[in-house]
Amino acid sequence: MTTLDAEDARPAYRRVADQLTAAIESGKLAPGDQLPTHKALADEYGVAVETAKRALTELRNAGLVVTRQGKGSYVRRKPDDEERSEPVVSEISARVDELARELERVKERVAALEADSAGE
């Protein structure tokens, strides 16, 4: 188990995120490498699963990892300077499209529920 510094006053998720960031920056975790599952990270660092999830969210927000639903989290590959924004933009665009479709489904469900309750 990797131990976190008990003297460090920062939240546990931040300390886990910083250790993972250091592993990425040092090359211990290389671009394309899959990160451990939330449960495995929680076990490794002696933290709650939610703490491990939040640490990975921090890494995602920092652009260090990408997460594929149902597949896991991976260290982000470093694109050439010319290609730097294109993959990020396409990922964001795909996610926005997915969220828009989900929002439409929710709207349809709400409308159906409202119609049912109005008929009662």
PDB file of N, CA and C in Angstrom:
ATOM      1  N   MET A   1       0.853  -1.188   0.000  1.00  0.00           N
ATOM      2  CA  MET A   1       0.000   0.000   0.000  1.00  0.00           C
ATOM      3  C   MET A   1       0.888   1.236   0.000  1.00  0.00           C
ATOM      4  N   THR A   2       0.506   2.214  -0.800  1.00  0.00           N
ATOM      5  CA  THR A   2       1.190   3.500  -0.837  1.00  0.00           C
ATOM      6  C   THR A   2       0.626   4.352   0.291  1.00  0.00           C
ATOM      7  N   THR A   3       1.494   4.892   1.104  1.00  0.00           N
ATOM      8  CA  THR A   3       1.010   5.682   2.234  1.00  0.00           C
ATOM      9  C   THR A   3       0.975   7.159   1.879  1.00  0.00           C
ATOM     10  N   LEU A   4      -0.026   7.818   2.410  1.00  0.00           N
ATOM     11  CA  LEU A   4      -0.143   9.255   2.259  1.00  0.00           C
ATOM     12  C   LEU A   4       0.432   9.903   3.507  1.00  0.00           C
ATOM     13  N   ASP A   5       1.054  11.049   3.334  1.00  0.00           N
ATOM     14  CA  ASP A   5       1.665  11.769   4.449  1.00  0.00           C
ATOM     15  C   ASP A   5       0.571  12.260   5.401  1.00  0.00           C
ATOM     16  N   ALA A   6       0.536  11.702   6.606  1.00  0.00           N
ATOM     17  CA  ALA A   6      -0.481  12.067   7.595  1.00  0.00           C
ATOM     18  C   ALA A   6      -0.322  13.508   8.072  1.00  0.00           C
ATOM     19  N   GLU A   7       0.873  14.056   7.905  1.00  0.00           N
ATOM     20  CA  GLU A   7       1.135  15.443   8.334  1.00  0.00           C
ATOM     21  C   GLU A   7       0.609  16.464   7.316  1.00  0.00           C
ATOM     22  N   ASP A   8       0.331  16.008   6.111  1.00  0.00           N
ATOM     23  CA  ASP A   8      -0.145  16.873   5.040  1.00  0.00           C
ATOM     24  C   ASP A   8      -1.615  17.212   5.298  1.00  0.00           C
ATOM     25  N   ALA A   9      -1.925  18.493   5.429  1.00  0.00           N
ATOM     26  CA  ALA A   9      -3.284  18.924   5.769  1.00  0.00           C
ATOM     27  C   ALA A   9      -4.223  18.965   4.565  1.00  0.00           C
ATOM     28  N   ARG A  10      -3.680  18.775   3.366  1.00  0.00           N
ATOM     29  CA  ARG A  10      -4.540  18.818   2.183  1.00  0.00           C
ATOM     30  C   ARG A  10      -5.497  17.634   2.181  1.00  0.00           C
ATOM     31  N   PRO A  11      -6.651  17.777   1.490  1.00  0.00           N
ATOM     32  CA  PRO A  11      -7.596  16.656   1.413  1.00  0.00           C
ATOM     33  C   PRO A  11      -6.923  15.429   0.789  1.00  0.00           C
ATOM     34  N   ALA A  12      -7.379  14.255   1.196  1.00  0.00           N
ATOM     35  CA  ALA A  12      -6.792  13.002   0.727  1.00  0.00           C
ATOM     36  C   ALA A  12      -6.863  12.883  -0.797  1.00  0.00           C
ATOM     37  N   TYR A  13      -7.976  13.320  -1.411  1.00  0.00           N
ATOM     38  CA  TYR A  13      -8.091  13.193  -2.867  1.00  0.00           C
ATOM     39  C   TYR A  13      -6.993  13.988  -3.568  1.00  0.00           C
ATOM     40  N   ARG A  14      -6.638  15.142  -3.003  1.00  0.00           N
ATOM     41  CA  ARG A  14      -5.601  15.991  -3.594  1.00  0.00           C
ATOM     42  C   ARG A  14      -4.232  15.324  -3.472  1.00  0.00           C
ATOM     43  N   ARG A  15      -3.988  14.687  -2.319  1.00  0.00           N
ATOM     44  CA  ARG A  15      -2.707  14.006  -2.118  1.00  0.00           C
ATOM     45  C   ARG A  15      -2.578  12.804  -3.057  1.00  0.00           C
ATOM     46  N   VAL A  16      -3.674  12.051  -3.244  1.00  0.00           N
ATOM     47  CA  VAL A  16      -3.653  10.923  -4.181  1.00  0.00           C
ATOM     48  C   VAL A  16      -3.433  11.453  -5.596  1.00  0.00           C
ATOM     49  N   ALA A  17      -4.150  12.493  -5.974  1.00  0.00           N
ATOM     50  CA  ALA A  17      -4.010  13.080  -7.305  1.00  0.00           C
ATOM     51  C   ALA A  17      -2.577  13.549  -7.539  1.00  0.00           C
ATOM     52  N   ASP A  18      -1.970  14.156  -6.526  1.00  0.00           N
ATOM     53  CA  ASP A  18      -0.596  14.636  -6.669  1.00  0.00           C
ATOM     54  C   ASP A  18       0.387  13.485  -6.844  1.00  0.00           C
ATOM     55  N   GLN A  19       0.172  12.379  -6.135  1.00  0.00           N
ATOM     56  CA  GLN A  19       1.061  11.226  -6.294  1.00  0.00           C
ATOM     57  C   GLN A  19       0.908  10.620  -7.688  1.00  0.00           C
ATOM     58  N   LEU A  20      -0.331  10.542  -8.176  1.00  0.00           N
ATOM     59  CA  LEU A  20      -0.549  10.018  -9.524  1.00  0.00           C
ATOM     60  C   LEU A  20       0.033  10.964 -10.574  1.00  0.00           C
ATOM     61  N   THR A  21      -0.100  12.266 -10.349  1.00  0.00           N
ATOM     62  CA  THR A  21       0.488  13.250 -11.256  1.00  0.00           C
ATOM     63  C   THR A  21       2.002  13.072 -11.314  1.00  0.00           C
ATOM     64  N   ALA A  22       2.625  12.885 -10.164  1.00  0.00           N
ATOM     65  CA  ALA A  22       4.077  12.682 -10.121  1.00  0.00           C
ATOM     66  C   ALA A  22       4.466  11.419 -10.885  1.00  0.00           C
ATOM     67  N   ALA A  23       3.664  10.363 -10.771  1.00  0.00           N
ATOM     68  CA  ALA A  23       3.949   9.120 -11.495  1.00  0.00           C
ATOM     69  C   ALA A  23       3.827   9.332 -13.004  1.00  0.00           C
ATOM     70  N   ILE A  24       2.872  10.148 -13.413  1.00  0.00           N
ATOM     71  CA  ILE A  24       2.696  10.450 -14.839  1.00  0.00           C
ATOM     72  C   ILE A  24       3.865  11.297 -15.334  1.00  0.00           C
ATOM     73  N   GLU A  25       4.196  12.343 -14.588  1.00  0.00           N
ATOM     74  CA  GLU A  25       5.262  13.246 -15.011  1.00  0.00           C
ATOM     75  C   GLU A  25       6.631  12.574 -15.021  1.00  0.00           C
ATOM     76  N   SER A  26       6.834  11.607 -14.139  1.00  0.00           N
ATOM     77  CA  SER A  26       8.120  10.908 -14.082  1.00  0.00           C
ATOM     78  C   SER A  26       8.221   9.811 -15.149  1.00  0.00           C
ATOM     79  N   GLY A  27       7.098   9.466 -15.763  1.00  0.00           N
ATOM     80  CA  GLY A  27       7.093   8.413 -16.756  1.00  0.00           C
ATOM     81  C   GLY A  27       6.789   7.038 -16.185  1.00  0.00           C
ATOM     82  N   LYS A  28       6.634   6.966 -14.866  1.00  0.00           N
ATOM     83  CA  LYS A  28       6.257   5.681 -14.258  1.00  0.00           C
ATOM     84  C   LYS A  28       4.926   5.210 -14.838  1.00  0.00           C
ATOM     85  N   LEU A  29       4.018   6.155 -15.048  1.00  0.00           N
ATOM     86  CA  LEU A  29       2.779   5.898 -15.781  1.00  0.00           C
ATOM     87  C   LEU A  29       2.930   6.603 -17.124  1.00  0.00           C
ATOM     88  N   ALA A  30       3.008   5.830 -18.189  1.00  0.00           N
ATOM     89  CA  ALA A  30       3.275   6.372 -19.518  1.00  0.00           C
ATOM     90  C   ALA A  30       1.977   6.676 -20.267  1.00  0.00           C
ATOM     91  N   PRO A  31       2.058   7.556 -21.271  1.00  0.00           N
ATOM     92  CA  PRO A  31       0.880   7.825 -22.088  1.00  0.00           C
ATOM     93  C   PRO A  31       0.294   6.527 -22.634  1.00  0.00           C
ATOM     94  N   GLY A  32      -1.027   6.399 -22.481  1.00  0.00           N
ATOM     95  CA  GLY A  32      -1.722   5.197 -22.935  1.00  0.00           C
ATOM     96  C   GLY A  32      -1.895   4.150 -21.856  1.00  0.00           C
ATOM     97  N   ASP A  33      -1.137   4.254 -20.755  1.00  0.00           N
ATOM     98  CA  ASP A  33      -1.271   3.287 -19.661  1.00  0.00           C
ATOM     99  C   ASP A  33      -2.638   3.418 -19.004  1.00  0.00           C
ATOM    100  N   GLN A  34      -3.213   2.282 -18.649  1.00  0.00           N
ATOM    101  CA  GLN A  34      -4.480   2.293 -17.931  1.00  0.00           C
ATOM    102  C   GLN A  34      -4.204   2.455 -16.444  1.00  0.00           C
ATOM    103  N   LEU A  35      -4.962   3.320 -15.795  1.00  0.00           N
ATOM    104  CA  LEU A  35      -4.842   3.497 -14.362  1.00  0.00           C
ATOM    105  C   LEU A  35      -5.648   2.423 -13.650  1.00  0.00           C
ATOM    106  N   PRO A  36      -5.314   2.139 -12.402  1.00  0.00           N
ATOM    107  CA  PRO A  36      -6.091   1.157 -11.640  1.00  0.00           C
ATOM    108  C   PRO A  36      -7.541   1.622 -11.474  1.00  0.00           C
ATOM    109  N   THR A  37      -8.415   0.673 -11.173  1.00  0.00           N
ATOM    110  CA  THR A  37      -9.824   0.990 -10.928  1.00  0.00           C
ATOM    111  C   THR A  37      -9.946   1.843  -9.676  1.00  0.00           C
ATOM    112  N   HIS A  38     -11.129   2.443  -9.485  1.00  0.00           N
ATOM    113  CA  HIS A  38     -11.371   3.238  -8.272  1.00  0.00           C
ATOM    114  C   HIS A  38     -11.100   2.397  -7.024  1.00  0.00           C
ATOM    115  N   LYS A  39     -11.611   1.182  -7.028  1.00  0.00           N
ATOM    116  CA  LYS A  39     -11.439   0.285  -5.873  1.00  0.00           C
ATOM    117  C   LYS A  39      -9.966  -0.021  -5.640  1.00  0.00           C
ATOM    118  N   ALA A  40      -9.236  -0.323  -6.721  1.00  0.00           N
ATOM    119  CA  ALA A  40      -7.818  -0.643  -6.584  1.00  0.00           C
ATOM    120  C   ALA A  40      -7.034   0.563  -6.075  1.00  0.00           C
ATOM    121  N   LEU A  41      -7.362   1.755  -6.566  1.00  0.00           N
ATOM    122  CA  LEU A  41      -6.691   2.966  -6.072  1.00  0.00           C
ATOM    123  C   LEU A  41      -7.009   3.196  -4.592  1.00  0.00           C
ATOM    124  N   ALA A  42      -8.275   2.995  -4.238  1.00  0.00           N
ATOM    125  CA  ALA A  42      -8.677   3.173  -2.839  1.00  0.00           C
ATOM    126  C   ALA A  42      -7.904   2.213  -1.937  1.00  0.00           C
ATOM    127  N   ASP A  43      -7.803   0.976  -2.369  1.00  0.00           N
ATOM    128  CA  ASP A  43      -7.057  -0.016  -1.595  1.00  0.00           C
ATOM    129  C   ASP A  43      -5.570   0.348  -1.512  1.00  0.00           C
ATOM    130  N   GLU A  44      -5.005   0.777  -2.653  1.00  0.00           N
ATOM    131  CA  GLU A  44      -3.572   1.095  -2.685  1.00  0.00           C
ATOM    132  C   GLU A  44      -3.213   2.252  -1.764  1.00  0.00           C
ATOM    133  N   TYR A  45      -4.071   3.275  -1.725  1.00  0.00           N
ATOM    134  CA  TYR A  45      -3.769   4.469  -0.934  1.00  0.00           C
ATOM    135  C   TYR A  45      -4.441   4.478   0.434  1.00  0.00           C
ATOM    136  N   GLY A  46      -5.256   3.472   0.710  1.00  0.00           N
ATOM    137  CA  GLY A  46      -5.927   3.409   2.004  1.00  0.00           C
ATOM    138  C   GLY A  46      -6.960   4.504   2.186  1.00  0.00           C
ATOM    139  N   VAL A  47      -7.700   4.792   1.101  1.00  0.00           N
ATOM    140  CA  VAL A  47      -8.723   5.834   1.142  1.00  0.00           C
ATOM    141  C   VAL A  47     -10.055   5.243   0.697  1.00  0.00           C
ATOM    142  N   ALA A  48     -11.112   6.023   0.821  1.00  0.00           N
ATOM    143  CA  ALA A  48     -12.434   5.594   0.361  1.00  0.00           C
ATOM    144  C   ALA A  48     -12.487   5.611  -1.166  1.00  0.00           C
ATOM    145  N   VAL A  49     -13.376   4.805  -1.723  1.00  0.00           N
ATOM    146  CA  VAL A  49     -13.541   4.747  -3.175  1.00  0.00           C
ATOM    147  C   VAL A  49     -13.907   6.131  -3.722  1.00  0.00           C
ATOM    148  N   GLU A  50     -14.757   6.869  -3.023  1.00  0.00           N
ATOM    149  CA  GLU A  50     -15.144   8.213  -3.474  1.00  0.00           C
ATOM    150  C   GLU A  50     -13.939   9.147  -3.521  1.00  0.00           C
ATOM    151  N   THR A  51     -13.005   8.962  -2.604  1.00  0.00           N
ATOM    152  CA  THR A  51     -11.776   9.767  -2.599  1.00  0.00           C
ATOM    153  C   THR A  51     -10.959   9.454  -3.843  1.00  0.00           C
ATOM    154  N   ALA A  52     -10.861   8.177  -4.198  1.00  0.00           N
ATOM    155  CA  ALA A  52     -10.128   7.771  -5.403  1.00  0.00           C
ATOM    156  C   ALA A  52     -10.811   8.330  -6.651  1.00  0.00           C
ATOM    157  N   LYS A  53     -12.146   8.295  -6.680  1.00  0.00           N
ATOM    158  CA  LYS A  53     -12.888   8.843  -7.822  1.00  0.00           C
ATOM    159  C   LYS A  53     -12.594  10.332  -7.973  1.00  0.00           C
ATOM    160  N   ARG A  54     -12.589  11.042  -6.856  1.00  0.00           N
ATOM    161  CA  ARG A  54     -12.349  12.488  -6.908  1.00  0.00           C
ATOM    162  C   ARG A  54     -10.927  12.789  -7.366  1.00  0.00           C
ATOM    163  N   ALA A  55      -9.972  11.947  -6.960  1.00  0.00           N
ATOM    164  CA  ALA A  55      -8.585  12.129  -7.405  1.00  0.00           C
ATOM    165  C   ALA A  55      -8.496  11.986  -8.923  1.00  0.00           C
ATOM    166  N   LEU A  56      -9.190  10.984  -9.474  1.00  0.00           N
ATOM    167  CA  LEU A  56      -9.184  10.803 -10.928  1.00  0.00           C
ATOM    168  C   LEU A  56      -9.893  11.958 -11.638  1.00  0.00           C
ATOM    169  N   THR A  57     -10.928  12.488 -11.015  1.00  0.00           N
ATOM    170  CA  THR A  57     -11.611  13.653 -11.589  1.00  0.00           C
ATOM    171  C   THR A  57     -10.647  14.830 -11.674  1.00  0.00           C
ATOM    172  N   GLU A  58      -9.828  15.009 -10.640  1.00  0.00           N
ATOM    173  CA  GLU A  58      -8.830  16.077 -10.650  1.00  0.00           C
ATOM    174  C   GLU A  58      -7.854  15.891 -11.813  1.00  0.00           C
ATOM    175  N   LEU A  59      -7.411  14.644 -12.032  1.00  0.00           N
ATOM    176  CA  LEU A  59      -6.477  14.363 -13.125  1.00  0.00           C
ATOM    177  C   LEU A  59      -7.134  14.602 -14.478  1.00  0.00           C
ATOM    178  N   ARG A  60      -8.418  14.229 -14.592  1.00  0.00           N
ATOM    179  CA  ARG A  60      -9.160  14.474 -15.832  1.00  0.00           C
ATOM    180  C   ARG A  60      -9.273  15.972 -16.086  1.00  0.00           C
ATOM    181  N   ASN A  61      -9.634  16.718 -15.047  1.00  0.00           N
ATOM    182  CA  ASN A  61      -9.781  18.167 -15.172  1.00  0.00           C
ATOM    183  C   ASN A  61      -8.462  18.840 -15.532  1.00  0.00           C
ATOM    184  N   ALA A  62      -7.358  18.254 -15.095  1.00  0.00           N
ATOM    185  CA  ALA A  62      -6.032  18.792 -15.407  1.00  0.00           C
ATOM    186  C   ALA A  62      -5.561  18.357 -16.793  1.00  0.00           C
ATOM    187  N   GLY A  63      -6.336  17.489 -17.451  1.00  0.00           N
ATOM    188  CA  GLY A  63      -5.975  17.044 -18.787  1.00  0.00           C
ATOM    189  C   GLY A  63      -4.913  15.960 -18.812  1.00  0.00           C
ATOM    190  N   LEU A  64      -4.689  15.309 -17.674  1.00  0.00           N
ATOM    191  CA  LEU A  64      -3.659  14.276 -17.611  1.00  0.00           C
ATOM    192  C   LEU A  64      -4.183  12.889 -17.962  1.00  0.00           C
ATOM    193  N   VAL A  65      -5.480  12.668 -17.754  1.00  0.00           N
ATOM    194  CA  VAL A  65      -6.053  11.357 -18.066  1.00  0.00           C
ATOM    195  C   VAL A  65      -7.357  11.537 -18.829  1.00  0.00           C
ATOM    196  N   VAL A  66      -7.733  10.488 -19.534  1.00  0.00           N
ATOM    197  CA  VAL A  66      -9.037  10.428 -20.177  1.00  0.00           C
ATOM    198  C   VAL A  66      -9.734   9.188 -19.637  1.00  0.00           C
ATOM    199  N   THR A  67     -11.044   9.262 -19.521  1.00  0.00           N
ATOM    200  CA  THR A  67     -11.816   8.137 -19.018  1.00  0.00           C
ATOM    201  C   THR A  67     -12.791   7.707 -20.094  1.00  0.00           C
ATOM    202  N   ARG A  68     -12.815   6.428 -20.349  1.00  0.00           N
ATOM    203  CA  ARG A  68     -13.748   5.835 -21.303  1.00  0.00           C
ATOM    204  C   ARG A  68     -14.752   5.029 -20.494  1.00  0.00           C
ATOM    205  N   GLN A  69     -16.012   5.423 -20.543  1.00  0.00           N
ATOM    206  CA  GLN A  69     -17.038   4.758 -19.748  1.00  0.00           C
ATOM    207  C   GLN A  69     -17.029   3.260 -20.016  1.00  0.00           C
ATOM    208  N   GLY A  70     -16.971   2.496 -18.947  1.00  0.00           N
ATOM    209  CA  GLY A  70     -16.963   1.049 -19.048  1.00  0.00           C
ATOM    210  C   GLY A  70     -15.605   0.457 -19.391  1.00  0.00           C
ATOM    211  N   LYS A  71     -14.620   1.302 -19.656  1.00  0.00           N
ATOM    212  CA  LYS A  71     -13.288   0.831 -20.055  1.00  0.00           C
ATOM    213  C   LYS A  71     -12.211   1.203 -19.043  1.00  0.00           C
ATOM    214  N   GLY A  72     -12.361   2.349 -18.381  1.00  0.00           N
ATOM    215  CA  GLY A  72     -11.367   2.774 -17.403  1.00  0.00           C
ATOM    216  C   GLY A  72     -10.757   4.116 -17.743  1.00  0.00           C
ATOM    217  N   SER A  73      -9.743   4.475 -16.955  1.00  0.00           N
ATOM    218  CA  SER A  73      -9.029   5.738 -17.145  1.00  0.00           C
ATOM    219  C   SER A  73      -7.632   5.454 -17.649  1.00  0.00           C
ATOM    220  N   TYR A  74      -7.177   6.320 -18.558  1.00  0.00           N
ATOM    221  CA  TYR A  74      -5.885   6.135 -19.203  1.00  0.00           C
ATOM    222  C   TYR A  74      -5.096   7.434 -19.169  1.00  0.00           C
ATOM    223  N   VAL A  75      -3.771   7.300 -19.083  1.00  0.00           N
ATOM    224  CA  VAL A  75      -2.916   8.477 -19.159  1.00  0.00           C
ATOM    225  C   VAL A  75      -3.050   9.040 -20.568  1.00  0.00           C
ATOM    226  N   ARG A  76      -3.304  10.325 -20.631  1.00  0.00           N
ATOM    227  CA  ARG A  76      -3.521  10.988 -21.929  1.00  0.00           C
ATOM    228  C   ARG A  76      -2.218  10.995 -22.726  1.00  0.00           C
ATOM    229  N   ARG A  77      -2.362  10.701 -23.999  1.00  0.00           N
ATOM    230  CA  ARG A  77      -1.212  10.787 -24.907  1.00  0.00           C
ATOM    231  C   ARG A  77      -0.946  12.261 -25.182  1.00  0.00           C
ATOM    232  N   LYS A  78       0.314  12.634 -25.289  1.00  0.00           N
ATOM    233  CA  LYS A  78       0.662  14.033 -25.535  1.00  0.00           C
ATOM    234  C   LYS A  78       0.712  14.279 -27.038  1.00  0.00           C
ATOM    235  N   PRO A  79      -0.260  15.042 -27.556  1.00  0.00           N
ATOM    236  CA  PRO A  79      -0.270  15.306 -28.990  1.00  0.00           C
ATOM    237  C   PRO A  79       0.802  16.326 -29.365  1.00  0.00           C
ATOM    238  N   ASP A  80       1.158  16.359 -30.645  1.00  0.00           N
ATOM    239  CA  ASP A  80       2.064  17.389 -31.147  1.00  0.00           C
ATOM    240  C   ASP A  80       1.391  18.738 -30.955  1.00  0.00           C
ATOM    241  N   ASP A  81       2.192  19.803 -30.922  1.00  0.00           N
ATOM    242  CA  ASP A  81       1.645  21.140 -30.702  1.00  0.00           C
ATOM    243  C   ASP A  81       0.540  21.478 -31.700  1.00  0.00           C
ATOM    244  N   GLU A  82       0.691  21.093 -32.967  1.00  0.00           N
ATOM    245  CA  GLU A  82      -0.312  21.411 -33.984  1.00  0.00           C
ATOM    246  C   GLU A  82      -1.628  20.698 -33.720  1.00  0.00           C
ATOM    247  N   GLU A  83      -1.562  19.500 -33.140  1.00  0.00           N
ATOM    248  CA  GLU A  83      -2.759  18.699 -32.932  1.00  0.00           C
ATOM    249  C   GLU A  83      -3.328  18.847 -31.526  1.00  0.00           C
ATOM    250  N   ARG A  84      -2.710  19.672 -30.719  1.00  0.00           N
ATOM    251  CA  ARG A  84      -3.031  19.750 -29.300  1.00  0.00           C
ATOM    252  C   ARG A  84      -4.515  19.968 -29.019  1.00  0.00           C
ATOM    253  N   SER A  85      -5.166  20.904 -29.674  1.00  0.00           N
ATOM    254  CA  SER A  85      -6.546  21.217 -29.317  1.00  0.00           C
ATOM    255  C   SER A  85      -7.565  20.322 -30.021  1.00  0.00           C
ATOM    256  N   GLU A  86      -7.236  19.767 -31.168  1.00  0.00           N
ATOM    257  CA  GLU A  86      -8.217  19.000 -31.933  1.00  0.00           C
ATOM    258  C   GLU A  86      -8.792  17.807 -31.170  1.00  0.00           C
ATOM    259  N   PRO A  87      -7.976  16.934 -30.549  1.00  0.00           N
ATOM    260  CA  PRO A  87      -8.562  15.804 -29.812  1.00  0.00           C
ATOM    261  C   PRO A  87      -9.424  16.261 -28.635  1.00  0.00           C
ATOM    262  N   VAL A  88      -8.991  17.308 -27.945  1.00  0.00           N
ATOM    263  CA  VAL A  88      -9.750  17.800 -26.800  1.00  0.00           C
ATOM    264  C   VAL A  88     -11.091  18.337 -27.270  1.00  0.00           C
ATOM    265  N   VAL A  89     -11.090  19.096 -28.338  1.00  0.00           N
ATOM    266  CA  VAL A  89     -12.323  19.674 -28.869  1.00  0.00           C
ATOM    267  C   VAL A  89     -13.269  18.568 -29.329  1.00  0.00           C
ATOM    268  N   SER A  90     -12.729  17.548 -29.998  1.00  0.00           N
ATOM    269  CA  SER A  90     -13.608  16.481 -30.476  1.00  0.00           C
ATOM    270  C   SER A  90     -14.182  15.686 -29.307  1.00  0.00           C
ATOM    271  N   GLU A  91     -13.389  15.474 -28.250  1.00  0.00           N
ATOM    272  CA  GLU A  91     -13.911  14.781 -27.060  1.00  0.00           C
ATOM    273  C   GLU A  91     -15.017  15.595 -26.407  1.00  0.00           C
ATOM    274  N   ILE A  92     -14.799  16.881 -26.279  1.00  0.00           N
ATOM    275  CA  ILE A  92     -15.800  17.750 -25.660  1.00  0.00           C
ATOM    276  C   ILE A  92     -17.055  17.783 -26.523  1.00  0.00           C
ATOM    277  N   SER A  93     -16.871  17.898 -27.818  1.00  0.00           N
ATOM    278  CA  SER A  93     -18.016  17.935 -28.729  1.00  0.00           C
ATOM    279  C   SER A  93     -18.832  16.653 -28.638  1.00  0.00           C
ATOM    280  N   ALA A  94     -18.152  15.515 -28.603  1.00  0.00           N
ATOM    281  CA  ALA A  94     -18.855  14.233 -28.493  1.00  0.00           C
ATOM    282  C   ALA A  94     -19.616  14.154 -27.177  1.00  0.00           C
ATOM    283  N   ARG A  95     -19.009  14.627 -26.107  1.00  0.00           N
ATOM    284  CA  ARG A  95     -19.661  14.586 -24.793  1.00  0.00           C
ATOM    285  C   ARG A  95     -20.871  15.523 -24.758  1.00  0.00           C
ATOM    286  N   VAL A  96     -20.743  16.707 -25.356  1.00  0.00           N
ATOM    287  CA  VAL A  96     -21.864  17.654 -25.404  1.00  0.00           C
ATOM    288  C   VAL A  96     -23.023  17.048 -26.195  1.00  0.00           C
ATOM    289  N   ASP A  97     -22.710  16.400 -27.326  1.00  0.00           N
ATOM    290  CA  ASP A  97     -23.751  15.738 -28.115  1.00  0.00           C
ATOM    291  C   ASP A  97     -24.451  14.654 -27.299  1.00  0.00           C
ATOM    292  N   GLU A  98     -23.669  13.879 -26.577  1.00  0.00           N
ATOM    293  CA  GLU A  98     -24.231  12.818 -25.735  1.00  0.00           C
ATOM    294  C   GLU A  98     -25.139  13.399 -24.648  1.00  0.00           C
ATOM    295  N   LEU A  99     -24.683  14.481 -24.017  1.00  0.00           N
ATOM    296  CA  LEU A  99     -25.486  15.121 -22.973  1.00  0.00           C
ATOM    297  C   LEU A  99     -26.759  15.732 -23.547  1.00  0.00           C
ATOM    298  N   ALA A 100     -26.682  16.286 -24.754  1.00  0.00           N
ATOM    299  CA  ALA A 100     -27.868  16.866 -25.389  1.00  0.00           C
ATOM    300  C   ALA A 100     -28.907  15.781 -25.664  1.00  0.00           C
ATOM    301  N   ARG A 101     -28.450  14.611 -26.142  1.00  0.00           N
ATOM    302  CA  ARG A 101     -29.378  13.507 -26.384  1.00  0.00           C
ATOM    303  C   ARG A 101     -30.022  13.045 -25.076  1.00  0.00           C
ATOM    304  N   GLU A 102     -29.224  12.953 -24.034  1.00  0.00           N
ATOM    305  CA  GLU A 102     -29.753  12.535 -22.731  1.00  0.00           C
ATOM    306  C   GLU A 102     -30.752  13.558 -22.207  1.00  0.00           C
ATOM    307  N   LEU A 103     -30.462  14.832 -22.376  1.00  0.00           N
ATOM    308  CA  LEU A 103     -31.381  15.886 -21.943  1.00  0.00           C
ATOM    309  C   LEU A 103     -32.714  15.778 -22.679  1.00  0.00           C
ATOM    310  N   GLU A 104     -32.679  15.495 -23.968  1.00  0.00           N
ATOM    311  CA  GLU A 104     -33.916  15.324 -24.730  1.00  0.00           C
ATOM    312  C   GLU A 104     -34.731  14.147 -24.199  1.00  0.00           C
ATOM    313  N   ARG A 105     -34.048  13.045 -23.861  1.00  0.00           N
ATOM    314  CA  ARG A 105     -34.755  11.891 -23.301  1.00  0.00           C
ATOM    315  C   ARG A 105     -35.405  12.243 -21.958  1.00  0.00           C
ATOM    316  N   VAL A 106     -34.697  13.011 -21.153  1.00  0.00           N
ATOM    317  CA  VAL A 106     -35.246  13.425 -19.856  1.00  0.00           C
ATOM    318  C   VAL A 106     -36.453  14.332 -20.063  1.00  0.00           C
ATOM    319  N   LYS A 107     -36.352  15.264 -21.000  1.00  0.00           N
ATOM    320  CA  LYS A 107     -37.478  16.153 -21.292  1.00  0.00           C
ATOM    321  C   LYS A 107     -38.715  15.360 -21.719  1.00  0.00           C
ATOM    322  N   GLU A 108     -38.485  14.355 -22.562  1.00  0.00           N
ATOM    323  CA  GLU A 108     -39.599  13.518 -23.016  1.00  0.00           C
ATOM    324  C   GLU A 108     -40.232  12.771 -21.843  1.00  0.00           C
ATOM    325  N   ARG A 109     -39.426  12.263 -20.948  1.00  0.00           N
ATOM    326  CA  ARG A 109     -39.952  11.551 -19.780  1.00  0.00           C
ATOM    327  C   ARG A 109     -40.744  12.481 -18.875  1.00  0.00           C
ATOM    328  N   VAL A 110     -40.226  13.685 -18.655  1.00  0.00           N
ATOM    329  CA  VAL A 110     -40.917  14.661 -17.814  1.00  0.00           C
ATOM    330  C   VAL A 110     -42.253  15.033 -18.447  1.00  0.00           C
ATOM    331  N   ALA A 111     -42.246  15.269 -19.755  1.00  0.00           N
ATOM    332  CA  ALA A 111     -43.496  15.617 -20.444  1.00  0.00           C
ATOM    333  C   ALA A 111     -44.515  14.491 -20.321  1.00  0.00           C
ATOM    334  N   ALA A 112     -44.069  13.248 -20.453  1.00  0.00           N
ATOM    335  CA  ALA A 112     -44.978  12.106 -20.323  1.00  0.00           C
ATOM    336  C   ALA A 112     -45.525  12.015 -18.905  1.00  0.00           C
ATOM    337  N   LEU A 113     -44.682  12.211 -17.922  1.00  0.00           N
ATOM    338  CA  LEU A 113     -45.129  12.169 -16.530  1.00  0.00           C
ATOM    339  C   LEU A 113     -46.118  13.294 -16.236  1.00  0.00           C
ATOM    340  N   GLU A 114     -45.855  14.485 -16.748  1.00  0.00           N
ATOM    341  CA  GLU A 114     -46.765  15.603 -16.543  1.00  0.00           C
ATOM    342  C   GLU A 114     -48.109  15.347 -17.206  1.00  0.00           C
ATOM    343  N   ALA A 115     -48.076  14.747 -18.397  1.00  0.00           N
ATOM    344  CA  ALA A 115     -49.324  14.427 -19.102  1.00  0.00           C
ATOM    345  C   ALA A 115     -50.120  13.387 -18.327  1.00  0.00           C
ATOM    346  N   ASP A 116     -49.429  12.394 -17.783  1.00  0.00           N
ATOM    347  CA  ASP A 116     -50.106  11.355 -16.985  1.00  0.00           C
ATOM    348  C   ASP A 116     -50.723  11.950 -15.726  1.00  0.00           C
ATOM    349  N   SER A 117     -49.973  12.819 -15.057  1.00  0.00           N
ATOM    350  CA  SER A 117     -50.493  13.387 -13.803  1.00  0.00           C
ATOM    351  C   SER A 117     -51.623  14.372 -14.065  1.00  0.00           C
ATOM    352  N   ALA A 118     -51.641  15.036 -15.192  1.00  0.00           N
ATOM    353  CA  ALA A 118     -52.717  15.964 -15.534  1.00  0.00           C
ATOM    354  C   ALA A 118     -54.005  15.212 -15.842  1.00  0.00           C
ATOM    355  N   GLY A 119     -53.868  13.980 -16.313  1.00  0.00           N
ATOM    356  CA  GLY A 119     -55.042  13.174 -16.654  1.00  0.00           C
ATOM    357  C   GLY A 119     -55.656  12.484 -15.453  1.00  0.00           C
ATOM    358  N   GLU A 120     -55.012  12.521 -14.321  1.00  0.00           N
ATOM    359  CA  GLU A 120     -55.545  11.845 -13.121  1.00  0.00           C
ATOM    360  C   GLU A 120     -56.606  12.627 -12.433  1.00  0.00           C
TER     361      GLU A 120
END
